[in-house]
Amino acid sequence: MCTIAEKLSSTPTEMTESDWQPLRDTGFDDSACLEVGHIVGLFNYLTRLADGFGLKLDLETENAGRERKALVRPQ
């Protein structure tokens, strides 16, 4: 799925039916493949929108990403 997301994000016009085959081999049907495409597209859209408005991560989230640690919600 990550391979598909990367290609769909970086070179969408180069996507072919064979790119989706690994998902189909694990049981994804047309609907599930479409859902993957929608999720990838939505994340691309939201990231571009945030970048366009100059939004920045808060310090806690930025540090968690840099240190590769999950954020924990306060109890």
PDB file of N, CA and C in Angstrom:
ATOM      1  N   MET A   1       0.818  -1.182   0.000  1.00  0.00           N
ATOM      2  CA  MET A   1       0.000   0.000   0.000  1.00  0.00           C
ATOM      3  C   MET A   1       0.873   1.261   0.000  1.00  0.00           C
ATOM      4  N   CYS A   2       1.982   1.227   0.732  1.00  0.00           N
ATOM      5  CA  CYS A   2       2.876   2.392   0.774  1.00  0.00           C
ATOM      6  C   CYS A   2       3.499   2.655  -0.594  1.00  0.00           C
ATOM      7  N   THR A   3       3.813   1.611  -1.319  1.00  0.00           N
ATOM      8  CA  THR A   3       4.372   1.763  -2.662  1.00  0.00           C
ATOM      9  C   THR A   3       3.358   2.439  -3.577  1.00  0.00           C
ATOM     10  N   ILE A   4       2.110   2.030  -3.477  1.00  0.00           N
ATOM     11  CA  ILE A   4       1.051   2.638  -4.280  1.00  0.00           C
ATOM     12  C   ILE A   4       0.872   4.103  -3.887  1.00  0.00           C
ATOM     13  N   ALA A   5       0.843   4.368  -2.588  1.00  0.00           N
ATOM     14  CA  ALA A   5       0.670   5.748  -2.113  1.00  0.00           C
ATOM     15  C   ALA A   5       1.795   6.644  -2.613  1.00  0.00           C
ATOM     16  N   GLU A   6       3.008   6.127  -2.583  1.00  0.00           N
ATOM     17  CA  GLU A   6       4.152   6.929  -3.050  1.00  0.00           C
ATOM     18  C   GLU A   6       4.035   7.238  -4.539  1.00  0.00           C
ATOM     19  N   LYS A   7       3.731   6.220  -5.345  1.00  0.00           N
ATOM     20  CA  LYS A   7       3.645   6.440  -6.787  1.00  0.00           C
ATOM     21  C   LYS A   7       2.440   7.310  -7.140  1.00  0.00           C
ATOM     22  N   LEU A   8       1.313   7.071  -6.484  1.00  0.00           N
ATOM     23  CA  LEU A   8       0.115   7.862  -6.748  1.00  0.00           C
ATOM     24  C   LEU A   8       0.333   9.324  -6.371  1.00  0.00           C
ATOM     25  N   SER A   9       1.190   9.569  -5.390  1.00  0.00           N
ATOM     26  CA  SER A   9       1.494  10.937  -4.960  1.00  0.00           C
ATOM     27  C   SER A   9       2.524  11.614  -5.852  1.00  0.00           C
ATOM     28  N   SER A  10       3.545  10.882  -6.238  1.00  0.00           N
ATOM     29  CA  SER A  10       4.661  11.506  -6.963  1.00  0.00           C
ATOM     30  C   SER A  10       4.511  11.466  -8.481  1.00  0.00           C
ATOM     31  N   THR A  11       3.984  10.391  -9.011  1.00  0.00           N
ATOM     32  CA  THR A  11       3.844  10.263 -10.466  1.00  0.00           C
ATOM     33  C   THR A  11       2.495   9.619 -10.821  1.00  0.00           C
ATOM     34  N   PRO A  12       1.397  10.290 -10.506  1.00  0.00           N
ATOM     35  CA  PRO A  12       0.085   9.665 -10.715  1.00  0.00           C
ATOM     36  C   PRO A  12      -0.227   9.305 -12.166  1.00  0.00           C
ATOM     37  N   THR A  13       0.324  10.043 -13.116  1.00  0.00           N
ATOM     38  CA  THR A  13       0.033   9.738 -14.520  1.00  0.00           C
ATOM     39  C   THR A  13       0.754   8.481 -14.995  1.00  0.00           C
ATOM     40  N   GLU A  14       1.661   7.964 -14.186  1.00  0.00           N
ATOM     41  CA  GLU A  14       2.373   6.730 -14.545  1.00  0.00           C
ATOM     42  C   GLU A  14       1.756   5.489 -13.910  1.00  0.00           C
ATOM     43  N   MET A  15       0.665   5.666 -13.159  1.00  0.00           N
ATOM     44  CA  MET A  15      -0.006   4.519 -12.539  1.00  0.00           C
ATOM     45  C   MET A  15      -0.605   3.629 -13.625  1.00  0.00           C
ATOM     46  N   THR A  16      -0.475   2.333 -13.440  1.00  0.00           N
ATOM     47  CA  THR A  16      -1.086   1.357 -14.349  1.00  0.00           C
ATOM     48  C   THR A  16      -1.841   0.320 -13.523  1.00  0.00           C
ATOM     49  N   GLU A  17      -2.608  -0.479 -14.182  1.00  0.00           N
ATOM     50  CA  GLU A  17      -3.364  -1.539 -13.508  1.00  0.00           C
ATOM     51  C   GLU A  17      -2.437  -2.448 -12.708  1.00  0.00           C
ATOM     52  N   SER A  18      -1.242  -2.690 -13.219  1.00  0.00           N
ATOM     53  CA  SER A  18      -0.319  -3.598 -12.518  1.00  0.00           C
ATOM     54  C   SER A  18       0.151  -3.031 -11.177  1.00  0.00           C
ATOM     55  N   ASP A  19       0.115  -1.711 -11.024  1.00  0.00           N
ATOM     56  CA  ASP A  19       0.489  -1.119  -9.737  1.00  0.00           C
ATOM     57  C   ASP A  19      -0.473  -1.531  -8.626  1.00  0.00           C
ATOM     58  N   TRP A  20      -1.715  -1.774  -8.987  1.00  0.00           N
ATOM     59  CA  TRP A  20      -2.735  -2.138  -8.009  1.00  0.00           C
ATOM     60  C   TRP A  20      -2.768  -3.636  -7.717  1.00  0.00           C
ATOM     61  N   GLN A  21      -2.068  -4.417  -8.535  1.00  0.00           N
ATOM     62  CA  GLN A  21      -2.153  -5.871  -8.406  1.00  0.00           C
ATOM     63  C   GLN A  21      -1.754  -6.398  -7.025  1.00  0.00           C
ATOM     64  N   PRO A  22      -0.716  -5.848  -6.385  1.00  0.00           N
ATOM     65  CA  PRO A  22      -0.388  -6.357  -5.040  1.00  0.00           C
ATOM     66  C   PRO A  22      -1.552  -6.216  -4.049  1.00  0.00           C
ATOM     67  N   LEU A  23      -2.317  -5.139  -4.158  1.00  0.00           N
ATOM     68  CA  LEU A  23      -3.484  -5.001  -3.286  1.00  0.00           C
ATOM     69  C   LEU A  23      -4.567  -6.000  -3.674  1.00  0.00           C
ATOM     70  N   ARG A  24      -4.754  -6.166  -4.965  1.00  0.00           N
ATOM     71  CA  ARG A  24      -5.759  -7.127  -5.428  1.00  0.00           C
ATOM     72  C   ARG A  24      -5.400  -8.546  -4.984  1.00  0.00           C
ATOM     73  N   ASP A  25      -4.099  -8.849  -4.981  1.00  0.00           N
ATOM     74  CA  ASP A  25      -3.649 -10.174  -4.561  1.00  0.00           C
ATOM     75  C   ASP A  25      -3.930 -10.442  -3.085  1.00  0.00           C
ATOM     76  N   THR A  26      -4.093  -9.376  -2.296  1.00  0.00           N
ATOM     77  CA  THR A  26      -4.416  -9.555  -0.875  1.00  0.00           C
ATOM     78  C   THR A  26      -5.914  -9.450  -0.612  1.00  0.00           C
ATOM     79  N   GLY A  27      -6.705  -9.322  -1.678  1.00  0.00           N
ATOM     80  CA  GLY A  27      -8.154  -9.344  -1.521  1.00  0.00           C
ATOM     81  C   GLY A  27      -8.859  -8.014  -1.706  1.00  0.00           C
ATOM     82  N   PHE A  28      -8.133  -6.964  -2.078  1.00  0.00           N
ATOM     83  CA  PHE A  28      -8.781  -5.673  -2.310  1.00  0.00           C
ATOM     84  C   PHE A  28      -9.575  -5.734  -3.612  1.00  0.00           C
ATOM     85  N   ASP A  29     -10.841  -5.317  -3.546  1.00  0.00           N
ATOM     86  CA  ASP A  29     -11.652  -5.238  -4.758  1.00  0.00           C
ATOM     87  C   ASP A  29     -11.611  -3.801  -5.285  1.00  0.00           C
ATOM     88  N   ASP A  30     -12.394  -3.518  -6.328  1.00  0.00           N
ATOM     89  CA  ASP A  30     -12.387  -2.169  -6.912  1.00  0.00           C
ATOM     90  C   ASP A  30     -12.709  -1.094  -5.873  1.00  0.00           C
ATOM     91  N   SER A  31     -13.702  -1.376  -5.036  1.00  0.00           N
ATOM     92  CA  SER A  31     -14.109  -0.408  -4.016  1.00  0.00           C
ATOM     93  C   SER A  31     -12.979  -0.115  -3.033  1.00  0.00           C
ATOM     94  N   ALA A  32     -12.300  -1.137  -2.610  1.00  0.00           N
ATOM     95  CA  ALA A  32     -11.202  -0.962  -1.651  1.00  0.00           C
ATOM     96  C   ALA A  32     -10.039  -0.206  -2.287  1.00  0.00           C
ATOM     97  N   CYS A  33      -9.734  -0.508  -3.542  1.00  0.00           N
ATOM     98  CA  CYS A  33      -8.669   0.220  -4.249  1.00  0.00           C
ATOM     99  C   CYS A  33      -9.040   1.694  -4.396  1.00  0.00           C
ATOM    100  N   LEU A  34     -10.304   1.955  -4.712  1.00  0.00           N
ATOM    101  CA  LEU A  34     -10.772   3.334  -4.828  1.00  0.00           C
ATOM    102  C   LEU A  34     -10.636   4.053  -3.488  1.00  0.00           C
ATOM    103  N   GLU A  35     -10.953   3.366  -2.399  1.00  0.00           N
ATOM    104  CA  GLU A  35     -10.828   3.966  -1.070  1.00  0.00           C
ATOM    105  C   GLU A  35      -9.370   4.322  -0.765  1.00  0.00           C
ATOM    106  N   VAL A  36      -8.444   3.445  -1.123  1.00  0.00           N
ATOM    107  CA  VAL A  36      -7.019   3.750  -0.954  1.00  0.00           C
ATOM    108  C   VAL A  36      -6.671   5.013  -1.740  1.00  0.00           C
ATOM    109  N   GLY A  37      -7.125   5.079  -2.987  1.00  0.00           N
ATOM    110  CA  GLY A  37      -6.862   6.263  -3.808  1.00  0.00           C
ATOM    111  C   GLY A  37      -7.433   7.530  -3.190  1.00  0.00           C
ATOM    112  N   HIS A  38      -8.640   7.439  -2.644  1.00  0.00           N
ATOM    113  CA  HIS A  38      -9.253   8.604  -2.007  1.00  0.00           C
ATOM    114  C   HIS A  38      -8.460   9.055  -0.783  1.00  0.00           C
ATOM    115  N   ILE A  39      -8.022   8.118   0.029  1.00  0.00           N
ATOM    116  CA  ILE A  39      -7.259   8.458   1.234  1.00  0.00           C
ATOM    117  C   ILE A  39      -5.929   9.100   0.863  1.00  0.00           C
ATOM    118  N   VAL A  40      -5.233   8.527  -0.104  1.00  0.00           N
ATOM    119  CA  VAL A  40      -3.960   9.105  -0.562  1.00  0.00           C
ATOM    120  C   VAL A  40      -4.194  10.517  -1.090  1.00  0.00           C
ATOM    121  N   GLY A  41      -5.215  10.679  -1.915  1.00  0.00           N
ATOM    122  CA  GLY A  41      -5.519  11.994  -2.470  1.00  0.00           C
ATOM    123  C   GLY A  41      -5.876  13.005  -1.401  1.00  0.00           C
ATOM    124  N   LEU A  42      -6.641  12.591  -0.413  1.00  0.00           N
ATOM    125  CA  LEU A  42      -7.038  13.490   0.662  1.00  0.00           C
ATOM    126  C   LEU A  42      -5.825  13.953   1.469  1.00  0.00           C
ATOM    127  N   PHE A  43      -4.940  13.022   1.806  1.00  0.00           N
ATOM    128  CA  PHE A  43      -3.739  13.406   2.548  1.00  0.00           C
ATOM    129  C   PHE A  43      -2.858  14.339   1.732  1.00  0.00           C
ATOM    130  N   ASN A  44      -2.741  14.093   0.430  1.00  0.00           N
ATOM    131  CA  ASN A  44      -1.969  14.991  -0.428  1.00  0.00           C
ATOM    132  C   ASN A  44      -2.594  16.383  -0.451  1.00  0.00           C
ATOM    133  N   TYR A  45      -3.898  16.424  -0.563  1.00  0.00           N
ATOM    134  CA  TYR A  45      -4.610  17.702  -0.583  1.00  0.00           C
ATOM    135  C   TYR A  45      -4.401  18.471   0.717  1.00  0.00           C
ATOM    136  N   LEU A  46      -4.612  17.807   1.846  1.00  0.00           N
ATOM    137  CA  LEU A  46      -4.506  18.476   3.143  1.00  0.00           C
ATOM    138  C   LEU A  46      -3.093  18.984   3.405  1.00  0.00           C
ATOM    139  N   THR A  47      -2.101  18.204   3.016  1.00  0.00           N
ATOM    140  CA  THR A  47      -0.711  18.624   3.199  1.00  0.00           C
ATOM    141  C   THR A  47      -0.405  19.850   2.350  1.00  0.00           C
ATOM    142  N   ARG A  48      -0.842  19.844   1.116  1.00  0.00           N
ATOM    143  CA  ARG A  48      -0.604  20.993   0.239  1.00  0.00           C
ATOM    144  C   ARG A  48      -1.338  22.236   0.736  1.00  0.00           C
ATOM    145  N   LEU A  49      -2.550  22.042   1.221  1.00  0.00           N
ATOM    146  CA  LEU A  49      -3.314  23.155   1.748  1.00  0.00           C
ATOM    147  C   LEU A  49      -2.614  23.750   2.977  1.00  0.00           C
ATOM    148  N   ALA A  50      -2.172  22.897   3.890  1.00  0.00           N
ATOM    149  CA  ALA A  50      -1.462  23.369   5.082  1.00  0.00           C
ATOM    150  C   ALA A  50      -0.174  24.086   4.694  1.00  0.00           C
ATOM    151  N   ASP A  51       0.569  23.522   3.753  1.00  0.00           N
ATOM    152  CA  ASP A  51       1.801  24.174   3.288  1.00  0.00           C
ATOM    153  C   ASP A  51       1.485  25.524   2.657  1.00  0.00           C
ATOM    154  N   GLY A  52       0.420  25.579   1.872  1.00  0.00           N
ATOM    155  CA  GLY A  52       0.041  26.815   1.191  1.00  0.00           C
ATOM    156  C   GLY A  52      -0.331  27.938   2.149  1.00  0.00           C
ATOM    157  N   PHE A  53      -0.870  27.561   3.295  1.00  0.00           N
ATOM    158  CA  PHE A  53      -1.230  28.561   4.296  1.00  0.00           C
ATOM    159  C   PHE A  53      -0.118  28.777   5.322  1.00  0.00           C
ATOM    160  N   GLY A  54       0.991  28.071   5.138  1.00  0.00           N
ATOM    161  CA  GLY A  54       2.125  28.257   6.031  1.00  0.00           C
ATOM    162  C   GLY A  54       1.921  27.687   7.425  1.00  0.00           C
ATOM    163  N   LEU A  55       1.038  26.703   7.548  1.00  0.00           N
ATOM    164  CA  LEU A  55       0.810  26.100   8.863  1.00  0.00           C
ATOM    165  C   LEU A  55       2.033  25.309   9.301  1.00  0.00           C
ATOM    166  N   LYS A  56       2.330  25.377  10.565  1.00  0.00           N
ATOM    167  CA  LYS A  56       3.481  24.669  11.134  1.00  0.00           C
ATOM    168  C   LYS A  56       3.007  23.733  12.230  1.00  0.00           C
ATOM    169  N   LEU A  57       3.761  22.665  12.443  1.00  0.00           N
ATOM    170  CA  LEU A  57       3.459  21.739  13.526  1.00  0.00           C
ATOM    171  C   LEU A  57       3.773  22.379  14.866  1.00  0.00           C
ATOM    172  N   ASP A  58       3.020  21.985  15.889  1.00  0.00           N
ATOM    173  CA  ASP A  58       3.364  22.448  17.226  1.00  0.00           C
ATOM    174  C   ASP A  58       4.647  21.729  17.664  1.00  0.00           C
ATOM    175  N   LEU A  59       5.342  22.281  18.635  1.00  0.00           N
ATOM    176  CA  LEU A  59       6.649  21.774  19.051  1.00  0.00           C
ATOM    177  C   LEU A  59       6.588  20.320  19.492  1.00  0.00           C
ATOM    178  N   GLU A  60       5.556  19.948  20.244  1.00  0.00           N
ATOM    179  CA  GLU A  60       5.441  18.569  20.730  1.00  0.00           C
ATOM    180  C   GLU A  60       5.335  17.574  19.574  1.00  0.00           C
ATOM    181  N   THR A  61       4.524  17.898  18.586  1.00  0.00           N
ATOM    182  CA  THR A  61       4.365  17.015  17.422  1.00  0.00           C
ATOM    183  C   THR A  61       5.642  16.974  16.597  1.00  0.00           C
ATOM    184  N   GLU A  62       6.274  18.108  16.408  1.00  0.00           N
ATOM    185  CA  GLU A  62       7.528  18.162  15.663  1.00  0.00           C
ATOM    186  C   GLU A  62       8.602  17.308  16.336  1.00  0.00           C
ATOM    187  N   ASN A  63       8.728  17.419  17.657  1.00  0.00           N
ATOM    188  CA  ASN A  63       9.711  16.619  18.394  1.00  0.00           C
ATOM    189  C   ASN A  63       9.400  15.130  18.317  1.00  0.00           C
ATOM    190  N   ALA A  64       8.137  14.769  18.421  1.00  0.00           N
ATOM    191  CA  ALA A  64       7.743  13.360  18.332  1.00  0.00           C
ATOM    192  C   ALA A  64       8.118  12.778  16.966  1.00  0.00           C
ATOM    193  N   GLY A  65       7.922  13.553  15.907  1.00  0.00           N
ATOM    194  CA  GLY A  65       8.292  13.095  14.568  1.00  0.00           C
ATOM    195  C   GLY A  65       9.789  12.935  14.411  1.00  0.00           C
ATOM    196  N   ARG A  66      10.525  13.897  14.933  1.00  0.00           N
ATOM    197  CA  ARG A  66      11.980  13.844  14.824  1.00  0.00           C
ATOM    198  C   ARG A  66      12.544  12.657  15.617  1.00  0.00           C
ATOM    199  N   GLU A  67      11.962  12.399  16.776  1.00  0.00           N
ATOM    200  CA  GLU A  67      12.441  11.318  17.647  1.00  0.00           C
ATOM    201  C   GLU A  67      11.763   9.988  17.355  1.00  0.00           C
ATOM    202  N   ARG A  68      10.838  10.016  16.394  1.00  0.00           N
ATOM    203  CA  ARG A  68      10.086   8.815  16.000  1.00  0.00           C
ATOM    204  C   ARG A  68       9.381   8.187  17.191  1.00  0.00           C
ATOM    205  N   LYS A  69       8.733   9.033  17.989  1.00  0.00           N
ATOM    206  CA  LYS A  69       7.962   8.572  19.144  1.00  0.00           C
ATOM    207  C   LYS A  69       6.502   8.951  18.935  1.00  0.00           C
ATOM    208  N   ALA A  70       5.628   8.060  19.353  1.00  0.00           N
ATOM    209  CA  ALA A  70       4.200   8.328  19.228  1.00  0.00           C
ATOM    210  C   ALA A  70       3.764   9.389  20.227  1.00  0.00           C
ATOM    211  N   LEU A  71       2.838  10.215  19.797  1.00  0.00           N
ATOM    212  CA  LEU A  71       2.237  11.168  20.721  1.00  0.00           C
ATOM    213  C   LEU A  71       1.261  10.410  21.639  1.00  0.00           C
ATOM    214  N   VAL A  72       1.198  10.812  22.875  1.00  0.00           N
ATOM    215  CA  VAL A  72       0.288  10.186  23.821  1.00  0.00           C
ATOM    216  C   VAL A  72      -0.699  11.231  24.305  1.00  0.00           C
ATOM    217  N   ARG A  73      -1.977  10.905  24.223  1.00  0.00           N
ATOM    218  CA  ARG A  73      -3.011  11.840  24.677  1.00  0.00           C
ATOM    219  C   ARG A  73      -3.007  11.892  26.206  1.00  0.00           C
ATOM    220  N   PRO A  74      -3.201  13.060  26.747  1.00  0.00           N
ATOM    221  CA  PRO A  74      -3.301  13.163  28.209  1.00  0.00           C
ATOM    222  C   PRO A  74      -4.536  12.417  28.693  1.00  0.00           C
ATOM    223  N   GLN A  75      -4.433  11.826  29.848  1.00  0.00           N
ATOM    224  CA  GLN A  75      -5.549  11.056  30.428  1.00  0.00           C
ATOM    225  C   GLN A  75      -6.603  11.955  30.975  1.00  0.00           C
TER     226      GLN A  75
END
